Amino acid sequence: MIKYFFKTVWHFDAPPEKVWELIKDARSMPEWWPGVKRFEILSKERDLRPGCLIQASVKGLTGDLNFELEVSKAVPCHEIVMLSRGDLMGQGVWTLTPDNGKTISTYIWEVTTTGKLMNAIGSVCKPVFIWNHNRVMTAGFKALEKRL
């Protein structure tokens, strides 16, 4: 397995409450976030709260990455922690910090890959996979910023 550590910091000209409103509407992510193919809440509860299960799929360079997320912590307008299983194993922590009426958004994504192809070429292609992750995150930032 190849380990990855990503830290993405975004700055929004909106308070955390407005950013949270868009994040918590997880079902709509594939409609506005390029690269996100599926983000389906499997639990009866439609909100992102502890125990919520999400089936996710993102477009990768070697094919789709499919994984299940389980929300382990959710503090509205502040933080969401999700555990990942499947093609990506690990944890994501998304924190919203108020900053004079604006928001600093920090996403920490610590995962390992489980797919044979990703692991076989990962040591050589890791910089390209990191580049692709950053490209998808930049597209997400731009799309989220437009929605605000």
N, C-alpha and C. Protein backbone atom coordinates (compact mmCIF):
# COMPACT_ATOMS: atom_id res chain seq x y z
N MET A 1 0.85 -1.19 0.00
CA MET A 1 0.00 0.00 0.00
C MET A 1 0.89 1.24 0.00
N ILE A 2 0.46 2.24 -0.73
CA ILE A 2 1.18 3.51 -0.81
C ILE A 2 0.45 4.52 0.06
N LYS A 3 1.20 5.22 0.91
CA LYS A 3 0.60 6.21 1.81
C LYS A 3 0.63 7.60 1.17
N TYR A 4 -0.46 8.32 1.43
CA TYR A 4 -0.58 9.70 0.94
C TYR A 4 -1.04 10.58 2.10
N PHE A 5 -0.48 11.77 2.14
CA PHE A 5 -0.91 12.79 3.10
C PHE A 5 -1.16 14.07 2.30
N PHE A 6 -2.38 14.56 2.36
CA PHE A 6 -2.75 15.78 1.66
C PHE A 6 -3.28 16.79 2.67
N LYS A 7 -2.86 18.02 2.51
CA LYS A 7 -3.42 19.12 3.30
C LYS A 7 -3.82 20.21 2.32
N THR A 8 -5.11 20.49 2.30
CA THR A 8 -5.66 21.49 1.39
C THR A 8 -6.25 22.61 2.22
N VAL A 9 -5.83 23.83 1.96
CA VAL A 9 -6.35 25.00 2.68
C VAL A 9 -7.00 25.93 1.66
N TRP A 10 -8.25 26.25 1.93
CA TRP A 10 -9.01 27.17 1.09
C TRP A 10 -9.45 28.36 1.93
N HIS A 11 -9.60 29.52 1.29
CA HIS A 11 -10.10 30.73 1.95
C HIS A 11 -11.36 31.18 1.22
N PHE A 12 -12.43 31.30 1.97
CA PHE A 12 -13.71 31.72 1.40
C PHE A 12 -14.13 33.06 1.97
N ASP A 13 -14.73 33.90 1.12
CA ASP A 13 -15.28 35.19 1.55
C ASP A 13 -16.72 34.99 2.02
N ALA A 14 -16.90 34.05 2.92
CA ALA A 14 -18.22 33.76 3.49
C ALA A 14 -17.99 33.15 4.86
N PRO A 15 -18.96 33.31 5.77
CA PRO A 15 -18.81 32.73 7.11
C PRO A 15 -18.94 31.21 7.06
N PRO A 16 -18.41 30.52 8.08
CA PRO A 16 -18.48 29.06 8.12
C PRO A 16 -19.89 28.49 7.96
N GLU A 17 -20.90 29.19 8.45
CA GLU A 17 -22.28 28.71 8.35
C GLU A 17 -22.69 28.53 6.88
N LYS A 18 -22.29 29.46 6.03
CA LYS A 18 -22.66 29.36 4.61
C LYS A 18 -21.88 28.24 3.92
N VAL A 19 -20.62 28.11 4.26
CA VAL A 19 -19.80 27.03 3.69
C VAL A 19 -20.36 25.68 4.14
N TRP A 20 -20.71 25.57 5.41
CA TRP A 20 -21.26 24.33 5.94
C TRP A 20 -22.53 23.92 5.22
N GLU A 21 -23.38 24.87 4.92
CA GLU A 21 -24.64 24.57 4.23
C GLU A 21 -24.38 23.83 2.92
N LEU A 22 -23.34 24.22 2.21
CA LEU A 22 -23.02 23.56 0.95
C LEU A 22 -22.36 22.20 1.17
N ILE A 23 -21.48 22.12 2.17
CA ILE A 23 -20.79 20.86 2.45
C ILE A 23 -21.77 19.79 2.92
N LYS A 24 -22.69 20.17 3.78
CA LYS A 24 -23.60 19.17 4.35
C LYS A 24 -24.59 18.64 3.32
N ASP A 25 -24.75 19.33 2.20
CA ASP A 25 -25.59 18.85 1.12
C ASP A 25 -24.72 17.95 0.21
N ALA A 26 -24.18 16.90 0.81
CA ALA A 26 -23.22 16.03 0.15
C ALA A 26 -23.76 15.39 -1.13
N ARG A 27 -25.04 15.09 -1.16
CA ARG A 27 -25.62 14.42 -2.33
C ARG A 27 -25.43 15.21 -3.61
N SER A 28 -25.34 16.52 -3.51
CA SER A 28 -25.24 17.35 -4.72
C SER A 28 -23.80 17.49 -5.24
N MET A 29 -22.81 16.99 -4.51
CA MET A 29 -21.41 17.18 -4.92
C MET A 29 -21.12 16.77 -6.35
N PRO A 30 -21.61 15.60 -6.83
CA PRO A 30 -21.29 15.23 -8.21
C PRO A 30 -21.84 16.21 -9.25
N GLU A 31 -22.85 17.00 -8.87
CA GLU A 31 -23.43 17.97 -9.80
C GLU A 31 -22.52 19.17 -10.01
N TRP A 32 -21.72 19.52 -9.01
CA TRP A 32 -20.93 20.74 -9.12
C TRP A 32 -19.42 20.55 -8.95
N TRP A 33 -18.97 19.40 -8.44
CA TRP A 33 -17.54 19.19 -8.21
C TRP A 33 -16.98 18.28 -9.30
N PRO A 34 -16.25 18.84 -10.27
CA PRO A 34 -15.66 18.02 -11.32
C PRO A 34 -14.73 16.96 -10.72
N GLY A 35 -14.87 15.75 -11.20
CA GLY A 35 -14.06 14.64 -10.70
C GLY A 35 -14.79 13.78 -9.69
N VAL A 36 -15.79 14.33 -9.01
CA VAL A 36 -16.59 13.54 -8.08
C VAL A 36 -17.73 12.92 -8.89
N LYS A 37 -17.70 11.62 -9.00
CA LYS A 37 -18.70 10.92 -9.82
C LYS A 37 -19.91 10.46 -9.01
N ARG A 38 -19.65 10.14 -7.73
CA ARG A 38 -20.74 9.64 -6.88
C ARG A 38 -20.46 10.05 -5.45
N PHE A 39 -21.49 10.48 -4.76
CA PHE A 39 -21.42 10.80 -3.34
C PHE A 39 -22.81 10.56 -2.79
N GLU A 40 -23.10 9.31 -2.57
CA GLU A 40 -24.45 8.89 -2.21
C GLU A 40 -24.52 8.50 -0.73
N ILE A 41 -25.42 9.15 -0.02
CA ILE A 41 -25.62 8.82 1.39
C ILE A 41 -26.45 7.55 1.47
N LEU A 42 -25.89 6.53 2.13
CA LEU A 42 -26.55 5.23 2.22
C LEU A 42 -27.43 5.09 3.45
N SER A 43 -27.17 5.90 4.46
CA SER A 43 -27.91 5.82 5.72
C SER A 43 -29.30 6.41 5.56
N LYS A 44 -30.20 6.02 6.45
CA LYS A 44 -31.55 6.59 6.45
C LYS A 44 -31.49 8.08 6.69
N GLU A 45 -30.61 8.49 7.61
CA GLU A 45 -30.43 9.91 7.87
C GLU A 45 -29.75 10.54 6.66
N ARG A 46 -30.21 11.66 6.24
CA ARG A 46 -29.65 12.33 5.06
C ARG A 46 -28.61 13.37 5.44
N ASP A 47 -28.42 13.58 6.73
CA ASP A 47 -27.44 14.57 7.18
C ASP A 47 -26.10 13.90 7.44
N LEU A 48 -25.05 14.70 7.35
CA LEU A 48 -23.72 14.21 7.68
C LEU A 48 -23.55 14.26 9.18
N ARG A 49 -23.83 13.13 9.83
CA ARG A 49 -23.67 13.03 11.28
C ARG A 49 -23.02 11.68 11.60
N PRO A 50 -22.51 11.52 12.81
CA PRO A 50 -21.83 10.28 13.15
C PRO A 50 -22.67 9.05 12.80
N GLY A 51 -22.00 8.09 12.15
CA GLY A 51 -22.67 6.87 11.73
C GLY A 51 -23.15 6.91 10.29
N CYS A 52 -23.24 8.09 9.71
CA CYS A 52 -23.68 8.25 8.33
C CYS A 52 -22.69 7.54 7.39
N LEU A 53 -23.22 6.74 6.46
CA LEU A 53 -22.41 6.05 5.47
C LEU A 53 -22.60 6.67 4.10
N ILE A 54 -21.50 6.82 3.37
CA ILE A 54 -21.53 7.46 2.05
C ILE A 54 -20.75 6.58 1.08
N GLN A 55 -21.34 6.30 -0.06
CA GLN A 55 -20.63 5.60 -1.13
C GLN A 55 -20.10 6.67 -2.08
N ALA A 56 -18.78 6.69 -2.26
CA ALA A 56 -18.15 7.72 -3.06
C ALA A 56 -17.35 7.12 -4.21
N SER A 57 -17.27 7.88 -5.28
CA SER A 57 -16.47 7.48 -6.43
C SER A 57 -15.90 8.75 -7.04
N VAL A 58 -14.59 8.75 -7.27
CA VAL A 58 -13.94 9.89 -7.91
C VAL A 58 -13.14 9.39 -9.10
N LYS A 59 -13.01 10.26 -10.08
CA LYS A 59 -12.27 9.91 -11.29
C LYS A 59 -10.78 9.98 -10.99
N GLY A 60 -10.11 8.85 -11.14
CA GLY A 60 -8.67 8.79 -10.95
C GLY A 60 -7.96 8.67 -12.28
N LEU A 61 -6.66 8.73 -12.27
CA LEU A 61 -5.89 8.63 -13.51
C LEU A 61 -5.85 7.21 -14.06
N THR A 62 -6.00 6.22 -13.19
CA THR A 62 -5.96 4.83 -13.63
C THR A 62 -7.35 4.20 -13.59
N GLY A 63 -8.37 5.00 -13.44
CA GLY A 63 -9.75 4.52 -13.33
C GLY A 63 -10.40 5.12 -12.11
N ASP A 64 -11.66 4.81 -11.93
CA ASP A 64 -12.40 5.36 -10.80
C ASP A 64 -11.87 4.79 -9.48
N LEU A 65 -11.84 5.63 -8.46
CA LEU A 65 -11.53 5.21 -7.11
C LEU A 65 -12.85 5.14 -6.36
N ASN A 66 -13.18 3.97 -5.85
CA ASN A 66 -14.45 3.75 -5.16
C ASN A 66 -14.17 3.47 -3.70
N PHE A 67 -14.89 4.16 -2.84
CA PHE A 67 -14.67 3.99 -1.41
C PHE A 67 -15.92 4.36 -0.64
N GLU A 68 -16.01 3.81 0.56
CA GLU A 68 -17.11 4.12 1.46
C GLU A 68 -16.57 5.01 2.57
N LEU A 69 -17.32 6.04 2.88
CA LEU A 69 -16.97 6.94 3.97
C LEU A 69 -17.95 6.74 5.11
N GLU A 70 -17.44 6.78 6.31
CA GLU A 70 -18.30 6.75 7.50
C GLU A 70 -17.97 7.97 8.34
N VAL A 71 -18.98 8.78 8.58
CA VAL A 71 -18.78 9.97 9.41
C VAL A 71 -18.59 9.51 10.85
N SER A 72 -17.45 9.87 11.43
CA SER A 72 -17.19 9.50 12.83
C SER A 72 -17.38 10.68 13.77
N LYS A 73 -17.34 11.88 13.20
CA LYS A 73 -17.55 13.09 14.02
C LYS A 73 -18.09 14.19 13.11
N ALA A 74 -19.06 14.93 13.60
CA ALA A 74 -19.59 16.06 12.86
C ALA A 74 -20.00 17.15 13.84
N VAL A 75 -19.34 18.27 13.75
CA VAL A 75 -19.66 19.44 14.56
C VAL A 75 -20.11 20.51 13.56
N PRO A 76 -21.42 20.77 13.46
CA PRO A 76 -21.93 21.70 12.47
C PRO A 76 -21.15 23.02 12.44
N CYS A 77 -20.85 23.45 11.23
CA CYS A 77 -20.16 24.72 10.96
C CYS A 77 -18.71 24.72 11.42
N HIS A 78 -18.19 23.57 11.85
CA HIS A 78 -16.82 23.54 12.33
C HIS A 78 -15.98 22.38 11.80
N GLU A 79 -16.46 21.13 11.95
CA GLU A 79 -15.59 20.00 11.60
C GLU A 79 -16.39 18.75 11.23
N ILE A 80 -15.84 18.01 10.28
CA ILE A 80 -16.38 16.69 9.96
C ILE A 80 -15.19 15.74 9.78
N VAL A 81 -15.31 14.57 10.41
CA VAL A 81 -14.27 13.54 10.32
C VAL A 81 -14.90 12.31 9.69
N MET A 82 -14.24 11.79 8.63
CA MET A 82 -14.76 10.63 7.93
C MET A 82 -13.69 9.56 7.79
N LEU A 83 -14.07 8.32 8.04
CA LEU A 83 -13.19 7.18 7.85
C LEU A 83 -13.47 6.60 6.47
N SER A 84 -12.42 6.22 5.76
CA SER A 84 -12.55 5.72 4.40
C SER A 84 -12.15 4.25 4.31
N ARG A 85 -12.96 3.49 3.55
CA ARG A 85 -12.68 2.08 3.28
C ARG A 85 -12.91 1.83 1.79
N GLY A 86 -12.12 0.94 1.24
CA GLY A 86 -12.26 0.61 -0.18
C GLY A 86 -10.95 0.88 -0.89
N ASP A 87 -11.02 1.51 -2.07
CA ASP A 87 -9.80 1.82 -2.83
C ASP A 87 -8.89 2.78 -2.07
N LEU A 88 -9.47 3.59 -1.19
CA LEU A 88 -8.71 4.50 -0.34
C LEU A 88 -9.06 4.20 1.11
N MET A 89 -8.06 3.83 1.88
CA MET A 89 -8.27 3.51 3.30
C MET A 89 -7.62 4.59 4.14
N GLY A 90 -8.36 5.13 5.09
CA GLY A 90 -7.77 6.13 5.96
C GLY A 90 -8.81 7.05 6.56
N GLN A 91 -8.44 8.34 6.64
CA GLN A 91 -9.30 9.31 7.30
C GLN A 91 -9.19 10.68 6.64
N GLY A 92 -10.32 11.38 6.61
CA GLY A 92 -10.36 12.76 6.16
C GLY A 92 -10.93 13.63 7.26
N VAL A 93 -10.32 14.78 7.49
CA VAL A 93 -10.81 15.74 8.49
C VAL A 93 -10.95 17.09 7.80
N TRP A 94 -12.18 17.60 7.78
CA TRP A 94 -12.47 18.89 7.15
C TRP A 94 -12.85 19.86 8.27
N THR A 95 -12.07 20.92 8.42
CA THR A 95 -12.28 21.90 9.47
C THR A 95 -12.58 23.27 8.87
N LEU A 96 -13.58 23.94 9.41
CA LEU A 96 -13.91 25.31 9.02
C LEU A 96 -13.60 26.22 10.20
N THR A 97 -12.77 27.22 9.95
CA THR A 97 -12.36 28.14 11.00
C THR A 97 -12.81 29.55 10.64
N PRO A 98 -13.57 30.21 11.53
CA PRO A 98 -14.00 31.59 11.24
C PRO A 98 -12.80 32.53 11.23
N ASP A 99 -12.87 33.53 10.33
CA ASP A 99 -11.79 34.50 10.21
C ASP A 99 -12.38 35.85 9.79
N ASN A 100 -12.84 36.62 10.77
CA ASN A 100 -13.41 37.95 10.51
C ASN A 100 -14.49 37.93 9.43
N GLY A 101 -15.49 37.07 9.62
CA GLY A 101 -16.60 36.99 8.67
C GLY A 101 -16.30 36.11 7.46
N LYS A 102 -15.11 35.60 7.39
CA LYS A 102 -14.71 34.72 6.29
C LYS A 102 -14.43 33.33 6.88
N THR A 103 -13.98 32.42 6.03
CA THR A 103 -13.73 31.06 6.48
C THR A 103 -12.39 30.55 5.95
N ILE A 104 -11.65 29.92 6.84
CA ILE A 104 -10.47 29.15 6.44
C ILE A 104 -10.90 27.70 6.49
N SER A 105 -10.84 27.04 5.36
CA SER A 105 -11.22 25.64 5.24
C SER A 105 -9.95 24.81 5.12
N THR A 106 -9.79 23.83 6.01
CA THR A 106 -8.62 22.96 5.97
C THR A 106 -9.09 21.52 5.85
N TYR A 107 -8.58 20.83 4.85
CA TYR A 107 -8.93 19.42 4.66
C TYR A 107 -7.66 18.59 4.73
N ILE A 108 -7.61 17.69 5.69
CA ILE A 108 -6.50 16.75 5.85
C ILE A 108 -7.00 15.39 5.40
N TRP A 109 -6.33 14.80 4.43
CA TRP A 109 -6.73 13.51 3.86
C TRP A 109 -5.52 12.59 3.95
N GLU A 110 -5.58 11.62 4.87
CA GLU A 110 -4.49 10.65 5.06
C GLU A 110 -5.02 9.29 4.66
N VAL A 111 -4.52 8.77 3.53
CA VAL A 111 -5.03 7.52 3.00
C VAL A 111 -3.90 6.65 2.45
N THR A 112 -4.22 5.38 2.32
CA THR A 112 -3.37 4.45 1.59
C THR A 112 -4.22 3.87 0.47
N THR A 113 -3.56 3.50 -0.62
CA THR A 113 -4.27 2.89 -1.73
C THR A 113 -4.30 1.38 -1.54
N THR A 114 -5.37 0.75 -2.00
CA THR A 114 -5.49 -0.71 -1.85
C THR A 114 -5.50 -1.43 -3.19
N GLY A 115 -5.74 -0.71 -4.27
CA GLY A 115 -5.81 -1.34 -5.59
C GLY A 115 -4.45 -1.84 -6.07
N LYS A 116 -4.44 -2.98 -6.74
CA LYS A 116 -3.19 -3.57 -7.23
C LYS A 116 -2.45 -2.65 -8.19
N LEU A 117 -3.16 -2.07 -9.14
CA LEU A 117 -2.51 -1.21 -10.12
C LEU A 117 -1.94 0.05 -9.46
N MET A 118 -2.76 0.69 -8.63
CA MET A 118 -2.30 1.91 -7.93
C MET A 118 -1.06 1.61 -7.09
N ASN A 119 -1.04 0.47 -6.44
CA ASN A 119 0.11 0.12 -5.60
C ASN A 119 1.32 -0.29 -6.44
N ALA A 120 1.07 -0.97 -7.56
CA ALA A 120 2.18 -1.41 -8.41
C ALA A 120 2.92 -0.24 -9.03
N ILE A 121 2.19 0.78 -9.43
CA ILE A 121 2.83 1.92 -10.09
C ILE A 121 2.96 3.13 -9.17
N GLY A 122 2.43 3.01 -7.96
CA GLY A 122 2.37 4.14 -7.03
C GLY A 122 3.71 4.73 -6.67
N SER A 123 4.74 3.90 -6.48
CA SER A 123 6.03 4.45 -6.08
C SER A 123 6.64 5.30 -7.19
N VAL A 124 6.35 4.96 -8.44
CA VAL A 124 6.87 5.73 -9.58
C VAL A 124 5.94 6.90 -9.92
N CYS A 125 4.65 6.65 -9.85
CA CYS A 125 3.65 7.63 -10.29
C CYS A 125 3.10 8.51 -9.17
N LYS A 126 3.58 8.34 -7.97
CA LYS A 126 3.03 9.09 -6.84
C LYS A 126 2.98 10.60 -7.10
N PRO A 127 4.03 11.21 -7.66
CA PRO A 127 3.92 12.66 -7.92
C PRO A 127 2.78 13.01 -8.88
N VAL A 128 2.49 12.15 -9.84
CA VAL A 128 1.40 12.40 -10.78
C VAL A 128 0.05 12.24 -10.06
N PHE A 129 -0.05 11.23 -9.18
CA PHE A 129 -1.29 11.04 -8.42
C PHE A 129 -1.53 12.23 -7.48
N ILE A 130 -0.47 12.74 -6.88
CA ILE A 130 -0.59 13.93 -6.03
C ILE A 130 -1.04 15.12 -6.85
N TRP A 131 -0.45 15.29 -8.02
CA TRP A 131 -0.84 16.38 -8.92
C TRP A 131 -2.32 16.28 -9.26
N ASN A 132 -2.79 15.06 -9.58
CA ASN A 132 -4.20 14.87 -9.93
C ASN A 132 -5.11 15.19 -8.75
N HIS A 133 -4.73 14.76 -7.54
CA HIS A 133 -5.51 15.07 -6.35
C HIS A 133 -5.63 16.59 -6.21
N ASN A 134 -4.52 17.28 -6.33
CA ASN A 134 -4.54 18.74 -6.19
C ASN A 134 -5.38 19.41 -7.27
N ARG A 135 -5.36 18.86 -8.47
CA ARG A 135 -6.17 19.39 -9.57
C ARG A 135 -7.66 19.24 -9.26
N VAL A 136 -8.06 18.08 -8.76
CA VAL A 136 -9.46 17.83 -8.41
C VAL A 136 -9.89 18.74 -7.26
N MET A 137 -9.01 18.92 -6.28
CA MET A 137 -9.34 19.79 -5.15
C MET A 137 -9.46 21.25 -5.59
N THR A 138 -8.60 21.69 -6.49
CA THR A 138 -8.69 23.06 -7.01
C THR A 138 -10.01 23.27 -7.74
N ALA A 139 -10.42 22.28 -8.52
CA ALA A 139 -11.71 22.37 -9.22
C ALA A 139 -12.86 22.44 -8.22
N GLY A 140 -12.76 21.67 -7.13
CA GLY A 140 -13.77 21.71 -6.09
C GLY A 140 -13.84 23.07 -5.41
N PHE A 141 -12.67 23.64 -5.14
CA PHE A 141 -12.63 24.98 -4.52
C PHE A 141 -13.32 26.00 -5.41
N LYS A 142 -12.96 26.01 -6.68
CA LYS A 142 -13.55 26.98 -7.61
C LYS A 142 -15.06 26.82 -7.70
N ALA A 143 -15.51 25.57 -7.76
CA ALA A 143 -16.96 25.31 -7.86
C ALA A 143 -17.68 25.72 -6.58
N LEU A 144 -17.08 25.42 -5.43
CA LEU A 144 -17.69 25.78 -4.15
C LEU A 144 -17.72 27.30 -3.98
N GLU A 145 -16.65 27.94 -4.39
CA GLU A 145 -16.57 29.40 -4.30
C GLU A 145 -17.66 30.06 -5.13
N LYS A 146 -17.93 29.52 -6.32
CA LYS A 146 -19.01 30.06 -7.18
C LYS A 146 -20.38 29.90 -6.53
N ARG A 147 -20.57 28.76 -5.85
CA ARG A 147 -21.86 28.50 -5.20
C ARG A 147 -22.11 29.40 -4.00
N LEU A 148 -21.04 29.91 -3.41
CA LEU A 148 -21.20 30.81 -2.27
C LEU A 148 -21.64 32.18 -2.75
